[in-house]
Structure formats: C-alpha cells, structure tokens
Protein backbone atom coordinates (compact mmCIF):
# COMPACT_ATOMS: atom_id res chain seq x y z
CA UNK A 1 -9.08 -96.15 -16.62
CA UNK A 2 -8.95 -93.73 -13.67
CA UNK A 3 -5.38 -92.86 -14.63
CA UNK A 4 -6.49 -92.06 -18.17
CA UNK A 5 -9.23 -89.72 -16.89
CA UNK A 6 -6.73 -88.01 -14.58
CA UNK A 7 -4.30 -87.44 -17.42
CA UNK A 8 -7.14 -86.04 -19.56
CA UNK A 9 -8.09 -83.49 -16.90
CA UNK A 10 -4.48 -82.34 -16.50
CA UNK A 11 -4.08 -82.05 -20.24
CA UNK A 12 -7.27 -79.98 -20.51
CA UNK A 13 -6.15 -77.63 -17.71
CA UNK A 14 -2.78 -77.07 -19.37
CA UNK A 15 -4.49 -76.33 -22.66
CA UNK A 16 -6.75 -73.71 -21.03
CA UNK A 17 -3.80 -72.12 -19.33
CA UNK A 18 -1.86 -71.92 -22.57
CA UNK A 19 -4.84 -70.34 -24.31
CA UNK A 20 -5.50 -67.77 -21.55
CA UNK A 21 -1.85 -66.63 -21.24
CA UNK A 22 -1.81 -64.73 -24.59
CA UNK A 23 -5.13 -63.08 -23.70
CA UNK A 24 -3.78 -61.93 -20.34
CA UNK A 25 -0.63 -60.64 -22.01
CA UNK A 26 -2.66 -58.64 -24.55
CA UNK A 27 -4.86 -57.17 -21.79
CA UNK A 28 -1.79 -56.25 -19.71
CA UNK A 29 -0.15 -54.54 -22.71
CA UNK A 30 -3.30 -52.50 -23.40
CA UNK A 31 -3.44 -51.34 -19.76
CA UNK A 32 0.22 -50.39 -19.91
CA UNK A 33 -0.30 -48.41 -23.11
CA UNK A 34 -3.25 -46.59 -21.54
CA UNK A 35 -1.21 -45.82 -18.41
CA UNK A 36 1.65 -44.48 -20.52
CA UNK A 37 -0.71 -42.32 -22.56
CA UNK A 38 -2.30 -40.98 -19.38
CA UNK A 39 1.09 -40.18 -17.88
CA UNK A 40 2.17 -38.50 -21.11
CA UNK A 41 -0.97 -36.36 -21.08
CA UNK A 42 -0.34 -35.36 -17.45
CA UNK A 43 3.30 -34.49 -18.20
CA UNK A 44 2.29 -32.36 -21.19
CA UNK A 45 -0.29 -30.60 -19.01
CA UNK A 46 2.36 -29.92 -16.36
CA UNK A 47 4.77 -28.52 -18.96
CA UNK A 48 1.98 -26.28 -20.24
CA UNK A 49 1.29 -25.01 -16.71
CA UNK A 50 5.02 -24.44 -16.14
CA UNK A 51 5.25 -22.35 -19.32
CA UNK A 52 2.15 -20.40 -18.27
CA UNK A 53 3.59 -19.77 -14.79
CA UNK A 54 6.86 -18.61 -16.34
CA UNK A 55 5.01 -16.03 -18.44
CA UNK A 56 2.98 -14.89 -15.42
CA UNK A 57 6.17 -14.58 -13.37
CA UNK A 58 7.88 -12.54 -16.09
CA UNK A 59 4.84 -10.27 -16.33
CA UNK A 60 4.71 -9.80 -12.53
CA UNK A 61 8.43 -9.06 -12.31
CA UNK A 62 8.12 -6.51 -15.12
CA UNK A 63 5.20 -4.84 -13.33
CA UNK A 64 7.03 -4.83 -9.98
CA UNK A 65 10.14 -3.39 -11.61
CA UNK A 66 8.06 -0.61 -13.14
CA UNK A 67 6.35 0.11 -9.80
CA UNK A 68 9.70 0.12 -8.01
CA UNK A 69 11.14 2.69 -10.41
CA UNK A 70 8.02 4.84 -10.11
CA UNK A 71 8.10 4.61 -6.31
CA UNK A 72 11.75 5.63 -6.19
CA UNK A 73 11.02 8.66 -8.34
CA UNK A 74 8.08 9.64 -6.13
CA UNK A 75 10.10 9.18 -2.94
CA UNK A 76 12.86 11.35 -4.39
CA UNK A 77 10.24 14.05 -5.00
CA UNK A 78 8.99 13.62 -1.45
CA UNK A 79 12.56 14.03 -0.13
CA UNK A 80 12.96 17.17 -2.22
CA UNK A 81 9.65 18.51 -0.88
CA UNK A 82 10.80 17.86 2.68
CA UNK A 83 14.08 19.69 2.05
CA UNK A 84 12.17 22.67 0.63
CA UNK A 85 9.95 22.72 3.73
CA UNK A 86 13.05 22.69 5.94
CA UNK A 87 14.52 25.54 3.88
CA UNK A 88 11.32 27.58 4.25
CA UNK A 89 11.37 26.96 8.00
CA UNK A 90 14.98 28.07 8.20
CA UNK A 91 14.12 31.29 6.36
CA UNK A 92 11.19 31.99 8.70
CA UNK A 93 13.35 31.31 11.76
CA UNK A 94 16.09 33.56 10.41
CA UNK A 95 13.59 36.37 9.78
CA UNK A 96 12.16 35.96 13.28
CA UNK A 97 15.61 36.08 14.83
CA UNK A 98 16.51 39.22 12.88
CA UNK A 99 13.23 40.93 13.74
CA UNK A 100 13.47 40.06 17.42
CA UNK A 101 17.03 41.39 17.63
CA UNK A 102 16.13 44.70 16.00
CA UNK A 103 12.78 45.09 17.80
CA UNK A 104 11.13 46.16 14.53
CA UNK A 105 7.52 45.98 13.35
CA UNK A 106 6.62 42.28 13.03
CA UNK A 107 3.26 42.54 11.28
CA UNK A 108 4.53 41.98 7.69
CA UNK A 109 6.64 39.06 8.85
CA UNK A 110 3.71 37.52 10.73
CA UNK A 111 1.34 37.90 7.81
CA UNK A 112 3.84 36.32 5.43
CA UNK A 113 4.60 33.48 7.85
CA UNK A 114 0.93 32.62 8.46
CA UNK A 115 0.12 32.77 4.74
CA UNK A 116 3.03 30.44 3.97
CA UNK A 117 2.01 28.05 6.77
CA UNK A 118 -1.58 27.89 5.47
CA UNK A 119 -0.33 27.22 1.94
CA UNK A 120 1.86 24.35 3.18
CA UNK A 121 -1.07 22.83 5.07
CA UNK A 122 -3.46 23.06 2.10
CA UNK A 123 -0.96 21.67 -0.42
CA UNK A 124 0.40 18.94 1.84
CA UNK A 125 -0.97 15.54 2.81
CA UNK A 126 -4.73 15.75 3.66
CA UNK A 127 -4.25 15.00 7.35
CA UNK A 128 -6.43 17.00 9.78
CA UNK A 129 -6.28 19.95 7.37
CA UNK A 130 -9.28 21.81 8.80
CA UNK A 131 -8.02 21.41 12.35
CA UNK A 132 -4.54 22.65 11.50
CA UNK A 133 -5.86 25.63 9.49
CA UNK A 134 -8.13 26.50 12.42
CA UNK A 135 -5.03 26.62 14.61
CA UNK A 136 -3.40 29.20 12.32
CA UNK A 137 -6.62 31.24 12.17
CA UNK A 138 -6.76 31.20 15.96
CA UNK A 139 -3.29 32.76 16.13
CA UNK A 140 -4.45 35.48 13.75
CA UNK A 141 -7.63 36.12 15.77
CA UNK A 142 -5.80 36.25 19.11
CA UNK A 143 -3.29 38.67 17.61
CA UNK A 144 -6.07 40.88 16.25
CA UNK A 145 -7.82 40.86 19.64
CA UNK A 146 -4.54 41.77 21.40
CA UNK A 147 -4.72 38.57 23.43
CA UNK A 148 -1.14 37.65 22.48
CA UNK A 149 1.91 39.71 21.57
CA UNK A 150 3.52 39.67 18.16
CA UNK A 151 6.47 37.78 19.64
CA UNK A 152 4.11 35.12 21.01
CA UNK A 153 2.37 34.87 17.63
CA UNK A 154 5.74 34.40 15.92
CA UNK A 155 6.65 31.57 18.26
CA UNK A 156 3.30 29.87 17.55
CA UNK A 157 3.80 30.19 13.78
CA UNK A 158 7.30 28.80 14.25
CA UNK A 159 5.80 25.82 16.11
CA UNK A 160 3.40 25.30 13.19
CA UNK A 161 6.28 24.87 10.75
CA UNK A 162 7.97 22.51 13.22
CA UNK A 163 4.75 20.48 13.36
CA UNK A 164 4.75 20.15 9.56
CA UNK A 165 8.26 18.71 9.67
CA UNK A 166 7.35 16.37 12.54
CA UNK A 167 4.55 14.94 10.43
CA UNK A 168 7.04 13.72 7.80
CA UNK A 169 8.36 11.20 10.36
CA UNK A 170 5.07 10.38 12.12
CA UNK A 171 3.64 6.86 11.70
CA UNK A 172 0.47 5.68 13.39
CA UNK A 173 -3.32 5.27 13.46
CA UNK A 174 -5.53 8.33 13.93
CA UNK A 175 -9.23 9.26 13.76
CA UNK A 176 -10.35 11.68 11.06
CA UNK A 177 -13.38 12.63 9.01
CA UNK A 178 -12.99 12.09 5.26
CA UNK A 179 -15.34 12.56 2.31
CA UNK A 180 -16.64 9.40 0.59
CA UNK A 181 -19.47 9.52 -1.94
CA UNK A 182 -19.95 13.23 -1.10
CA UNK A 183 -20.54 12.38 2.58
CA UNK A 184 -18.33 12.98 5.62
CA UNK A 185 -17.33 9.71 7.27
CA UNK A 186 -15.41 9.27 10.53
CA UNK A 187 -12.76 6.63 9.96
CA UNK A 188 -9.36 5.38 11.04
CA UNK A 189 -6.36 6.81 9.23
CA UNK A 190 -3.11 4.90 8.84
CA UNK A 191 -0.43 7.51 8.15
CA UNK A 192 3.09 6.71 6.91
CA UNK A 193 4.84 10.04 7.37
CA UNK A 194 3.70 12.29 4.53
CA UNK A 195 4.26 9.55 1.94
CA UNK A 196 1.17 7.34 2.30
CA UNK A 197 -2.29 7.56 3.88
CA UNK A 198 -4.71 4.65 4.23
CA UNK A 199 -8.22 4.59 5.69
CA UNK A 200 -10.63 2.07 7.17
CA UNK A 201 -14.31 2.86 7.76
CA UNK A 202 -16.69 1.34 10.30
CA UNK A 203 -18.52 -0.46 7.46
CA UNK A 204 -15.26 -2.18 6.40
CA UNK A 205 -14.40 -0.02 3.40
CA UNK A 206 -10.64 0.15 2.90
CA UNK A 207 -8.59 2.42 0.67
CA UNK A 208 -5.92 5.05 0.33
CA UNK A 209 -5.26 8.64 -0.69
CA UNK A 210 -4.25 9.53 -4.25
CA UNK A 211 -3.40 12.90 -5.72
CA UNK A 212 -5.41 14.18 -8.68
CA UNK A 213 -4.06 17.43 -10.07
CA UNK A 214 -3.76 19.86 -7.18
CA UNK A 215 -6.17 18.00 -4.88
CA UNK A 216 -6.39 14.70 -3.05
CA UNK A 217 -8.98 11.94 -3.31
CA UNK A 218 -9.88 9.03 -1.03
CA UNK A 219 -9.96 5.91 -3.19
CA UNK A 220 -11.93 2.87 -1.96
CA UNK A 221 -10.21 -0.29 -3.20
CA UNK A 222 -12.14 -3.34 -4.41
CA UNK A 223 -9.00 -5.43 -4.89
CA UNK A 224 -8.90 -8.36 -2.42
CA UNK A 225 -5.10 -8.38 -2.30
CA UNK A 226 -4.93 -4.65 -1.52
CA UNK A 227 -7.59 -5.00 1.18
CA UNK A 228 -5.58 -7.73 2.91
CA UNK A 229 -2.42 -5.60 2.84
CA UNK A 230 -4.18 -2.52 4.24
CA UNK A 231 -5.87 -4.56 6.99
CA UNK A 232 -2.50 -6.10 7.93
CA UNK A 233 -0.95 -2.61 8.14
CA UNK A 234 -3.67 -1.33 10.49
CA UNK A 235 -3.28 -4.40 12.72
CA UNK A 236 0.49 -3.85 12.92
CA UNK A 237 0.18 -0.12 13.68
CA UNK A 238 -2.38 -0.79 16.42
CA UNK A 239 0.11 -3.21 17.98
CA UNK A 240 2.71 -0.40 17.88
CA UNK A 241 4.72 -2.26 15.21
CA UNK A 242 6.30 0.53 13.18
CA UNK A 243 9.41 -1.19 11.83
CA UNK A 244 9.79 -4.27 9.67
CA UNK A 245 8.79 -5.49 6.23
CA UNK A 246 5.28 -4.55 5.06
CA UNK A 247 3.66 -5.27 1.70
CA UNK A 248 1.54 -2.25 0.80
CA UNK A 249 -0.54 -1.15 -2.18
CA UNK A 250 1.14 1.24 -4.59
CA UNK A 251 -0.40 4.23 -2.80
CA UNK A 252 2.07 7.11 -2.66
CA UNK A 253 0.03 10.25 -2.03
CA UNK A 254 2.18 12.24 -4.48
CA UNK A 255 1.15 9.92 -7.32
CA UNK A 256 -1.55 11.37 -9.55
CA UNK A 257 -4.69 9.42 -10.36
CA UNK A 258 -3.63 6.32 -8.38
CA UNK A 259 -1.06 5.18 -10.94
C-alpha cells in the first residue's frame, strides 16, 4: 500500500511539471519578445540621433567654412592695410631725408606728417587712441613753443609711424578705459596685433571690438562658448603664452557689425 501511495505522489509531481512547462515557455517567449521590442526601439532611437548629429555636423562645417572664407578675406584686407601704412611711412621718411639734406623749410612737411599720423590713429584699431593723439598734439605744442627744433619734431613724428607698425605685431594684455552703456570703464584689453581686440571688465563682462561703419564698438557677448574662449585667451596671454592653437570668437576688428 505504501508503494502505491509513493507511486501516486511521483505521478502527480510529474503531471504538475508537465503542465507548468508550457506556461514557463510561454512566459519566457513573452519576455523575449518584449526585450527584442525594447532593443529595437533603442536602436531606432540611436539611428535617429545619429541622423540628427550628422545634420548638425554638416551645418557646423558649413558655418565654419563660411567663417573661414570671411576671415581670410578680412585678413587679406588687414595685410593690404599694413602694406599701405608701410608705404606711407616710407614716403614720410623719404620726405624727411630730402628736407634734411636740403635744409629747407620743414613746416609744411611737419604739418602734413602730423595730420597723416592723427588720421591713422583715429581710423586704426581703438587702442589707447586718446593717449596716442595726445602724444602727437604734444609734439605740435612743443614745436609751437620753440621747445624742440623742427628736426626733433620730424624724428618724433617718424617714431609715431614706427609705433603704428609695431602695433601690428604686438600681442598682450593691457589696461584701457572703454565705453560700455555710455559709461567709461577701466578694463583689461587682449590685443592680437591690429586684427582682434578683446576686453574683460572687473564685473566679469567679456567681449570684443567690432567695426560699424567708420567707427568701432565694444560688444559684450552673452554666448557661453565665446566667453570661455575669451577667458582662455586672457589666461594664456597673462602666462606669456603667445604662440600655439587658440579657439577664438569670430571677432576681426575690420568686420562690420560683428558678422
């Protein structure tokens, strides 16, 4: 009798196992289908992001290509401007040499030279303009007061043109007052020759110089990426790092309206 009971229990257990196996198989298949569907959804999402990134990349490359072409054109204009300044300096030097050799009246030459120097300062990069103009006016005043000779005045005017050329190669951080919101503000100036000028104020405003018509404007940037680039440039210049690869905002001072 005990044997019969034992066989009955075993038979019942086998029956339960046989019944539960199809249920487990169905449940396993459903989980697999759900996993496959989830994976498919994730793959489709990734493909969508890849396509979106491709379009963004194409758009960025197109924009960078356009900026690069514009920058090259502006730099070519800057090179031409520098050559014209060198030509003007050569003419002034030639006139000075001729006048000195002949010991003739230098007043017309001096007046023309100082007027040309002032024009170059006003039309050039807005770097210490008032200070540099004051230097030319001082030469004129000293000449009028007979404190210096005409020959000395000529040499000082000559030095002024040399200073303009030196500025085209000068890179560094300087202190200068600029006008922001119709107020004069003392700030740091990051100057890249006569091609770019950046500024940083004590209250953490960052920006750069743009040309609008015949004048220059100090533009405060709100772009986070531009701010990071300008801050990195100031840090490098303060560490006397003047060579290497720098990412900078599209801030050529000869560009009009901050294009």
